[in-house]
Structure formats: C-alpha cells, structure tokens
C-alpha cells in the first residue's frame, strides 16, 4: 500500500460513517476498471429530485449563484 493510500485511509477514518460508505463505493467502482460510475438507489433518487426541481423552475438565479460564489470566496 502506498503512502498516499495510507494517508487517504487516515482521512477517511475521521469522516462520518455515511461519507465513508460513499467514498468506499466510489473507490470500489473506480477500481473495478469498467470506467462507468454506477449510481446507488439513493443517488439516483437525488438526481431525479434535482431534475424535478429544474422542471418546476426551482433553480437559482444568476445573481443568487454569484452571491454564493462571493460568500465562499470564488
């Protein structure tokens, strides 16, 4: 195991369990070498909810996006 992998694992140990699961799933998907990320049922539901919001017109205006960028220093 490389030094970087060991460092990454140490960082992961500090994350909440749900984030650890998300990262672990992403790593396993990436390591499978099929070059296609497979959404979990939860992720798929989140994407569908986001698309539904867009269809309802529930999106941030350009001014709102700029305000967020300014607030976080981008």
PDB file of N, CA and C in Angstrom:
ATOM      1  N   UNK A   1       0.848  -1.173   0.000  1.00  0.00           N
ATOM      2  CA  UNK A   1       0.000   0.000   0.000  1.00  0.00           C
ATOM      3  C   UNK A   1       0.894   1.237   0.000  1.00  0.00           C
ATOM      4  N   UNK A   2       0.566   2.193  -0.836  1.00  0.00           N
ATOM      5  CA  UNK A   2       1.392   3.390  -0.937  1.00  0.00           C
ATOM      6  C   UNK A   2       1.156   4.327   0.239  1.00  0.00           C
ATOM      7  N   UNK A   3       2.074   5.260   0.392  1.00  0.00           N
ATOM      8  CA  UNK A   3       1.953   6.255   1.458  1.00  0.00           C
ATOM      9  C   UNK A   3       0.682   7.083   1.274  1.00  0.00           C
ATOM     10  N   UNK A   4       0.389   7.445   0.027  1.00  0.00           N
ATOM     11  CA  UNK A   4      -0.796   8.256  -0.228  1.00  0.00           C
ATOM     12  C   UNK A   4      -2.080   7.507   0.131  1.00  0.00           C
ATOM     13  N   UNK A   5      -2.139   6.230  -0.172  1.00  0.00           N
ATOM     14  CA  UNK A   5      -3.322   5.442   0.176  1.00  0.00           C
ATOM     15  C   UNK A   5      -3.468   5.387   1.691  1.00  0.00           C
ATOM     16  N   UNK A   6      -2.371   5.206   2.393  1.00  0.00           N
ATOM     17  CA  UNK A   6      -2.416   5.186   3.861  1.00  0.00           C
ATOM     18  C   UNK A   6      -2.918   6.520   4.400  1.00  0.00           C
ATOM     19  N   UNK A   7      -2.456   7.632   3.814  1.00  0.00           N
ATOM     20  CA  UNK A   7      -2.910   8.956   4.238  1.00  0.00           C
ATOM     21  C   UNK A   7      -4.408   9.125   3.971  1.00  0.00           C
ATOM     22  N   UNK A   8      -4.845   8.661   2.826  1.00  0.00           N
ATOM     23  CA  UNK A   8      -6.260   8.770   2.485  1.00  0.00           C
ATOM     24  C   UNK A   8      -7.118   7.985   3.476  1.00  0.00           C
ATOM     25  N   UNK A   9      -6.677   6.808   3.849  1.00  0.00           N
ATOM     26  CA  UNK A   9      -7.423   5.995   4.804  1.00  0.00           C
ATOM     27  C   UNK A   9      -7.511   6.699   6.150  1.00  0.00           C
ATOM     28  N   UNK A  10      -6.431   7.332   6.556  1.00  0.00           N
ATOM     29  CA  UNK A  10      -6.456   8.072   7.828  1.00  0.00           C
ATOM     30  C   UNK A  10      -7.482   9.207   7.777  1.00  0.00           C
ATOM     31  N   UNK A  11      -7.564   9.901   6.646  1.00  0.00           N
ATOM     32  CA  UNK A  11      -8.556  10.966   6.495  1.00  0.00           C
ATOM     33  C   UNK A  11      -9.958  10.371   6.529  1.00  0.00           C
ATOM     34  N   UNK A  12     -10.143   9.262   5.840  1.00  0.00           N
ATOM     35  CA  UNK A  12     -11.461   8.622   5.794  1.00  0.00           C
ATOM     36  C   UNK A  12     -11.932   8.184   7.171  1.00  0.00           C
ATOM     37  N   UNK A  13     -11.024   7.756   8.029  1.00  0.00           N
ATOM     38  CA  UNK A  13     -11.390   7.314   9.379  1.00  0.00           C
ATOM     39  C   UNK A  13     -12.104   8.414  10.162  1.00  0.00           C
ATOM     40  N   UNK A  14     -11.816   9.666   9.823  1.00  0.00           N
ATOM     41  CA  UNK A  14     -12.388  10.800  10.547  1.00  0.00           C
ATOM     42  C   UNK A  14     -13.760  11.224  10.009  1.00  0.00           C
ATOM     43  N   UNK A  15     -14.132  10.702   8.854  1.00  0.00           N
ATOM     44  CA  UNK A  15     -15.415  11.075   8.256  1.00  0.00           C
ATOM     45  C   UNK A  15     -16.568  10.353   8.934  1.00  0.00           C
ATOM     46  N   UNK A  16     -17.771  10.940   8.867  1.00  0.00           N
ATOM     47  CA  UNK A  16     -18.950  10.223   9.357  1.00  0.00           C
ATOM     48  C   UNK A  16     -19.149   8.929   8.558  1.00  0.00           C
ATOM     49  N   UNK A  17     -19.793   7.969   9.170  1.00  0.00           N
ATOM     50  CA  UNK A  17     -19.939   6.644   8.554  1.00  0.00           C
ATOM     51  C   UNK A  17     -20.599   6.703   7.171  1.00  0.00           C
ATOM     52  N   UNK A  18     -21.614   7.549   6.998  1.00  0.00           N
ATOM     53  CA  UNK A  18     -22.280   7.602   5.691  1.00  0.00           C
ATOM     54  C   UNK A  18     -21.342   8.113   4.602  1.00  0.00           C
ATOM     55  N   UNK A  19     -20.467   9.069   4.958  1.00  0.00           N
ATOM     56  CA  UNK A  19     -19.482   9.558   3.988  1.00  0.00           C
ATOM     57  C   UNK A  19     -18.443   8.483   3.690  1.00  0.00           C
ATOM     58  N   UNK A  20     -18.052   7.731   4.702  1.00  0.00           N
ATOM     59  CA  UNK A  20     -17.112   6.630   4.479  1.00  0.00           C
ATOM     60  C   UNK A  20     -17.694   5.637   3.480  1.00  0.00           C
ATOM     61  N   UNK A  21     -18.972   5.330   3.631  1.00  0.00           N
ATOM     62  CA  UNK A  21     -19.626   4.399   2.711  1.00  0.00           C
ATOM     63  C   UNK A  21     -19.650   4.950   1.284  1.00  0.00           C
ATOM     64  N   UNK A  22     -19.940   6.232   1.147  1.00  0.00           N
ATOM     65  CA  UNK A  22     -19.987   6.858  -0.169  1.00  0.00           C
ATOM     66  C   UNK A  22     -18.619   6.805  -0.841  1.00  0.00           C
ATOM     67  N   UNK A  23     -17.580   7.165  -0.094  1.00  0.00           N
ATOM     68  CA  UNK A  23     -16.226   7.151  -0.645  1.00  0.00           C
ATOM     69  C   UNK A  23     -15.798   5.719  -0.978  1.00  0.00           C
ATOM     70  N   UNK A  24     -16.111   4.783  -0.093  1.00  0.00           N
ATOM     71  CA  UNK A  24     -15.734   3.388  -0.342  1.00  0.00           C
ATOM     72  C   UNK A  24     -16.394   2.864  -1.613  1.00  0.00           C
ATOM     73  N   UNK A  25     -17.661   3.208  -1.809  1.00  0.00           N
ATOM     74  CA  UNK A  25     -18.375   2.763  -3.014  1.00  0.00           C
ATOM     75  C   UNK A  25     -17.717   3.354  -4.253  1.00  0.00           C
ATOM     76  N   UNK A  26     -17.344   4.642  -4.184  1.00  0.00           N
ATOM     77  CA  UNK A  26     -16.698   5.296  -5.327  1.00  0.00           C
ATOM     78  C   UNK A  26     -15.349   4.652  -5.633  1.00  0.00           C
ATOM     79  N   UNK A  27     -14.587   4.349  -4.593  1.00  0.00           N
ATOM     80  CA  UNK A  27     -13.282   3.710  -4.794  1.00  0.00           C
ATOM     81  C   UNK A  27     -13.450   2.334  -5.428  1.00  0.00           C
ATOM     82  N   UNK A  28     -14.380   1.563  -4.908  1.00  0.00           N
ATOM     83  CA  UNK A  28     -14.603   0.218  -5.463  1.00  0.00           C
ATOM     84  C   UNK A  28     -15.065   0.294  -6.913  1.00  0.00           C
ATOM     85  N   UNK A  29     -15.938   1.233  -7.209  1.00  0.00           N
ATOM     86  CA  UNK A  29     -16.385   1.395  -8.595  1.00  0.00           C
ATOM     87  C   UNK A  29     -15.218   1.769  -9.496  1.00  0.00           C
ATOM     88  N   UNK A  30     -14.402   2.700  -9.042  1.00  0.00           N
ATOM     89  CA  UNK A  30     -13.245   3.135  -9.828  1.00  0.00           C
ATOM     90  C   UNK A  30     -12.263   1.988 -10.016  1.00  0.00           C
ATOM     91  N   UNK A  31     -12.027   1.233  -8.972  1.00  0.00           N
ATOM     92  CA  UNK A  31     -11.046   0.146  -9.029  1.00  0.00           C
ATOM     93  C   UNK A  31     -11.513  -1.018  -9.898  1.00  0.00           C
ATOM     94  N   UNK A  32     -12.796  -1.092 -10.168  1.00  0.00           N
ATOM     95  CA  UNK A  32     -13.299  -2.201 -10.983  1.00  0.00           C
ATOM     96  C   UNK A  32     -12.908  -2.042 -12.447  1.00  0.00           C
ATOM     97  N   UNK A  33     -12.396  -0.854 -12.817  1.00  0.00           N
ATOM     98  CA  UNK A  33     -11.903  -0.579 -14.167  1.00  0.00           C
ATOM     99  C   UNK A  33     -12.951  -0.674 -15.269  1.00  0.00           C
ATOM    100  N   UNK A  34     -14.224  -0.587 -14.922  1.00  0.00           N
ATOM    101  CA  UNK A  34     -15.205  -0.611 -16.009  1.00  0.00           C
ATOM    102  C   UNK A  34     -15.485   0.787 -16.560  1.00  0.00           C
ATOM    103  N   UNK A  35     -14.804   1.801 -15.987  1.00  0.00           N
ATOM    104  CA  UNK A  35     -14.876   3.176 -16.452  1.00  0.00           C
ATOM    105  C   UNK A  35     -16.282   3.776 -16.436  1.00  0.00           C
ATOM    106  N   UNK A  36     -17.212   3.139 -15.748  1.00  0.00           N
ATOM    107  CA  UNK A  36     -18.567   3.658 -15.644  1.00  0.00           C
ATOM    108  C   UNK A  36     -18.940   3.693 -14.172  1.00  0.00           C
ATOM    109  N   UNK A  37     -19.336   4.890 -13.702  1.00  0.00           N
ATOM    110  CA  UNK A  37     -19.777   5.006 -12.316  1.00  0.00           C
ATOM    111  C   UNK A  37     -21.231   4.592 -12.238  1.00  0.00           C
ATOM    112  N   UNK A  38     -21.552   3.744 -11.291  1.00  0.00           N
ATOM    113  CA  UNK A  38     -22.914   3.270 -11.114  1.00  0.00           C
ATOM    114  C   UNK A  38     -23.541   3.950  -9.908  1.00  0.00           C
ATOM    115  N   UNK A  39     -24.622   4.694 -10.161  1.00  0.00           N
ATOM    116  CA  UNK A  39     -25.305   5.378  -9.080  1.00  0.00           C
ATOM    117  C   UNK A  39     -25.984   4.379  -8.152  1.00  0.00           C
ATOM    118  N   UNK A  40     -25.970   4.710  -6.859  1.00  0.00           N
ATOM    119  CA  UNK A  40     -26.744   3.919  -5.909  1.00  0.00           C
ATOM    120  C   UNK A  40     -28.207   4.329  -6.056  1.00  0.00           C
ATOM    121  N   UNK A  41     -29.110   3.575  -5.449  1.00  0.00           N
ATOM    122  CA  UNK A  41     -30.526   3.930  -5.496  1.00  0.00           C
ATOM    123  C   UNK A  41     -30.748   5.316  -4.880  1.00  0.00           C
ATOM    124  N   UNK A  42     -30.026   5.617  -3.801  1.00  0.00           N
ATOM    125  CA  UNK A  42     -30.148   6.923  -3.143  1.00  0.00           C
ATOM    126  C   UNK A  42     -29.663   8.039  -4.061  1.00  0.00           C
ATOM    127  N   UNK A  43     -28.531   7.834  -4.718  1.00  0.00           N
ATOM    128  CA  UNK A  43     -28.008   8.842  -5.642  1.00  0.00           C
ATOM    129  C   UNK A  43     -28.960   9.055  -6.816  1.00  0.00           C
ATOM    130  N   UNK A  44     -29.513   7.961  -7.326  1.00  0.00           N
ATOM    131  CA  UNK A  44     -30.453   8.049  -8.444  1.00  0.00           C
ATOM    132  C   UNK A  44     -31.680   8.863  -8.028  1.00  0.00           C
ATOM    133  N   UNK A  45     -32.163   8.639  -6.812  1.00  0.00           N
ATOM    134  CA  UNK A  45     -33.314   9.388  -6.304  1.00  0.00           C
ATOM    135  C   UNK A  45     -32.979  10.870  -6.166  1.00  0.00           C
ATOM    136  N   UNK A  46     -31.764  11.179  -5.713  1.00  0.00           N
ATOM    137  CA  UNK A  46     -31.344  12.581  -5.585  1.00  0.00           C
ATOM    138  C   UNK A  46     -31.277  13.259  -6.945  1.00  0.00           C
ATOM    139  N   UNK A  47     -30.769  12.554  -7.945  1.00  0.00           N
ATOM    140  CA  UNK A  47     -30.709  13.118  -9.302  1.00  0.00           C
ATOM    141  C   UNK A  47     -32.117  13.380  -9.821  1.00  0.00           C
ATOM    142  N   UNK A  48     -33.014  12.416  -9.633  1.00  0.00           N
ATOM    143  CA  UNK A  48     -34.400  12.600 -10.096  1.00  0.00           C
ATOM    144  C   UNK A  48     -35.069  13.774  -9.392  1.00  0.00           C
ATOM    145  N   UNK A  49     -34.819  13.928  -8.089  1.00  0.00           N
ATOM    146  CA  UNK A  49     -35.394  15.045  -7.338  1.00  0.00           C
ATOM    147  C   UNK A  49     -34.857  16.368  -7.886  1.00  0.00           C
ATOM    148  N   UNK A  50     -33.571  16.417  -8.183  1.00  0.00           N
ATOM    149  CA  UNK A  50     -32.976  17.634  -8.749  1.00  0.00           C
ATOM    150  C   UNK A  50     -33.552  17.968 -10.113  1.00  0.00           C
ATOM    151  N   UNK A  51     -33.736  16.955 -10.942  1.00  0.00           N
ATOM    152  CA  UNK A  51     -34.325  17.191 -12.266  1.00  0.00           C
ATOM    153  C   UNK A  51     -35.763  17.683 -12.148  1.00  0.00           C
ATOM    154  N   UNK A  52     -36.504  17.142 -11.183  1.00  0.00           N
ATOM    155  CA  UNK A  52     -37.878  17.590 -10.960  1.00  0.00           C
ATOM    156  C   UNK A  52     -37.899  19.053 -10.515  1.00  0.00           C
ATOM    157  N   UNK A  53     -36.946  19.449  -9.675  1.00  0.00           N
ATOM    158  CA  UNK A  53     -36.857  20.851  -9.249  1.00  0.00           C
ATOM    159  C   UNK A  53     -36.623  21.758 -10.451  1.00  0.00           C
ATOM    160  N   UNK A  54     -35.750  21.327 -11.344  1.00  0.00           N
ATOM    161  CA  UNK A  54     -35.477  22.117 -12.550  1.00  0.00           C
ATOM    162  C   UNK A  54     -36.740  22.248 -13.391  1.00  0.00           C
ATOM    163  N   UNK A  55     -37.454  21.144 -13.564  1.00  0.00           N
ATOM    164  CA  UNK A  55     -38.681  21.179 -14.360  1.00  0.00           C
ATOM    165  C   UNK A  55     -39.723  22.114 -13.751  1.00  0.00           C
ATOM    166  N   UNK A  56     -39.734  22.233 -12.421  1.00  0.00           N
ATOM    167  CA  UNK A  56     -40.676  23.135 -11.739  1.00  0.00           C
ATOM    168  C   UNK A  56     -40.167  24.573 -11.729  1.00  0.00           C
ATOM    169  N   UNK A  57     -38.970  24.796 -12.258  1.00  0.00           N
ATOM    170  CA  UNK A  57     -38.400  26.133 -12.286  1.00  0.00           C
ATOM    171  C   UNK A  57     -37.742  26.547 -10.986  1.00  0.00           C
ATOM    172  N   UNK A  58     -37.470  25.597 -10.127  1.00  0.00           N
ATOM    173  CA  UNK A  58     -36.866  25.878  -8.823  1.00  0.00           C
ATOM    174  C   UNK A  58     -35.348  25.867  -8.933  1.00  0.00           C
ATOM    175  N   UNK A  59     -34.828  26.886  -9.618  1.00  0.00           N
ATOM    176  CA  UNK A  59     -33.384  26.989  -9.803  1.00  0.00           C
ATOM    177  C   UNK A  59     -32.917  28.356  -9.327  1.00  0.00           C
ATOM    178  N   UNK A  60     -31.660  28.421  -8.977  1.00  0.00           N
ATOM    179  CA  UNK A  60     -31.083  29.680  -8.511  1.00  0.00           C
ATOM    180  C   UNK A  60     -30.873  30.619  -9.690  1.00  0.00           C
ATOM    181  N   UNK A  61     -31.107  31.890  -9.436  1.00  0.00           N
ATOM    182  CA  UNK A  61     -30.843  32.899 -10.468  1.00  0.00           C
ATOM    183  C   UNK A  61     -29.338  33.122 -10.562  1.00  0.00           C
ATOM    184  N   UNK A  62     -28.930  33.780 -11.628  1.00  0.00           N
ATOM    185  CA  UNK A  62     -27.509  34.111 -11.779  1.00  0.00           C
ATOM    186  C   UNK A  62     -27.019  34.940 -10.598  1.00  0.00           C
ATOM    187  N   UNK A  63     -27.846  35.882 -10.148  1.00  0.00           N
ATOM    188  CA  UNK A  63     -27.469  36.742  -9.023  1.00  0.00           C
ATOM    189  C   UNK A  63     -27.289  35.921  -7.743  1.00  0.00           C
ATOM    190  N   UNK A  64     -28.163  34.938  -7.530  1.00  0.00           N
ATOM    191  CA  UNK A  64     -28.047  34.088  -6.338  1.00  0.00           C
ATOM    192  C   UNK A  64     -26.772  33.250  -6.391  1.00  0.00           C
ATOM    193  N   UNK A  65     -26.447  32.731  -7.562  1.00  0.00           N
ATOM    194  CA  UNK A  65     -25.226  31.940  -7.717  1.00  0.00           C
ATOM    195  C   UNK A  65     -24.001  32.814  -7.476  1.00  0.00           C
ATOM    196  N   UNK A  66     -23.996  34.010  -8.045  1.00  0.00           N
ATOM    197  CA  UNK A  66     -22.874  34.933  -7.824  1.00  0.00           C
ATOM    198  C   UNK A  66     -22.719  35.263  -6.338  1.00  0.00           C
ATOM    199  N   UNK A  67     -23.838  35.436  -5.627  1.00  0.00           N
ATOM    200  CA  UNK A  67     -23.779  35.751  -4.200  1.00  0.00           C
ATOM    201  C   UNK A  67     -23.160  34.601  -3.414  1.00  0.00           C
ATOM    202  N   UNK A  68     -23.483  33.379  -3.776  1.00  0.00           N
ATOM    203  CA  UNK A  68     -22.896  32.221  -3.098  1.00  0.00           C
ATOM    204  C   UNK A  68     -21.400  32.152  -3.384  1.00  0.00           C
ATOM    205  N   UNK A  69     -21.030  32.323  -4.642  1.00  0.00           N
ATOM    206  CA  UNK A  69     -19.614  32.313  -5.002  1.00  0.00           C
ATOM    207  C   UNK A  69     -18.847  33.385  -4.225  1.00  0.00           C
ATOM    208  N   UNK A  70     -19.449  34.567  -4.128  1.00  0.00           N
ATOM    209  CA  UNK A  70     -18.791  35.657  -3.403  1.00  0.00           C
ATOM    210  C   UNK A  70     -18.634  35.297  -1.929  1.00  0.00           C
ATOM    211  N   UNK A  71     -19.672  34.710  -1.349  1.00  0.00           N
ATOM    212  CA  UNK A  71     -19.649  34.355   0.074  1.00  0.00           C
ATOM    213  C   UNK A  71     -18.580  33.315   0.376  1.00  0.00           C
ATOM    214  N   UNK A  72     -18.351  32.376  -0.554  1.00  0.00           N
ATOM    215  CA  UNK A  72     -17.353  31.328  -0.299  1.00  0.00           C
ATOM    216  C   UNK A  72     -15.990  31.657  -0.894  1.00  0.00           C
ATOM    217  N   UNK A  73     -15.877  32.845  -1.466  1.00  0.00           N
ATOM    218  CA  UNK A  73     -14.573  33.308  -1.930  1.00  0.00           C
ATOM    219  C   UNK A  73     -14.143  32.818  -3.296  1.00  0.00           C
ATOM    220  N   UNK A  74     -15.092  32.529  -4.154  1.00  0.00           N
ATOM    221  CA  UNK A  74     -14.740  32.109  -5.529  1.00  0.00           C
ATOM    222  C   UNK A  74     -14.935  33.240  -6.502  1.00  0.00           C
TER     223      UNK A  74
END
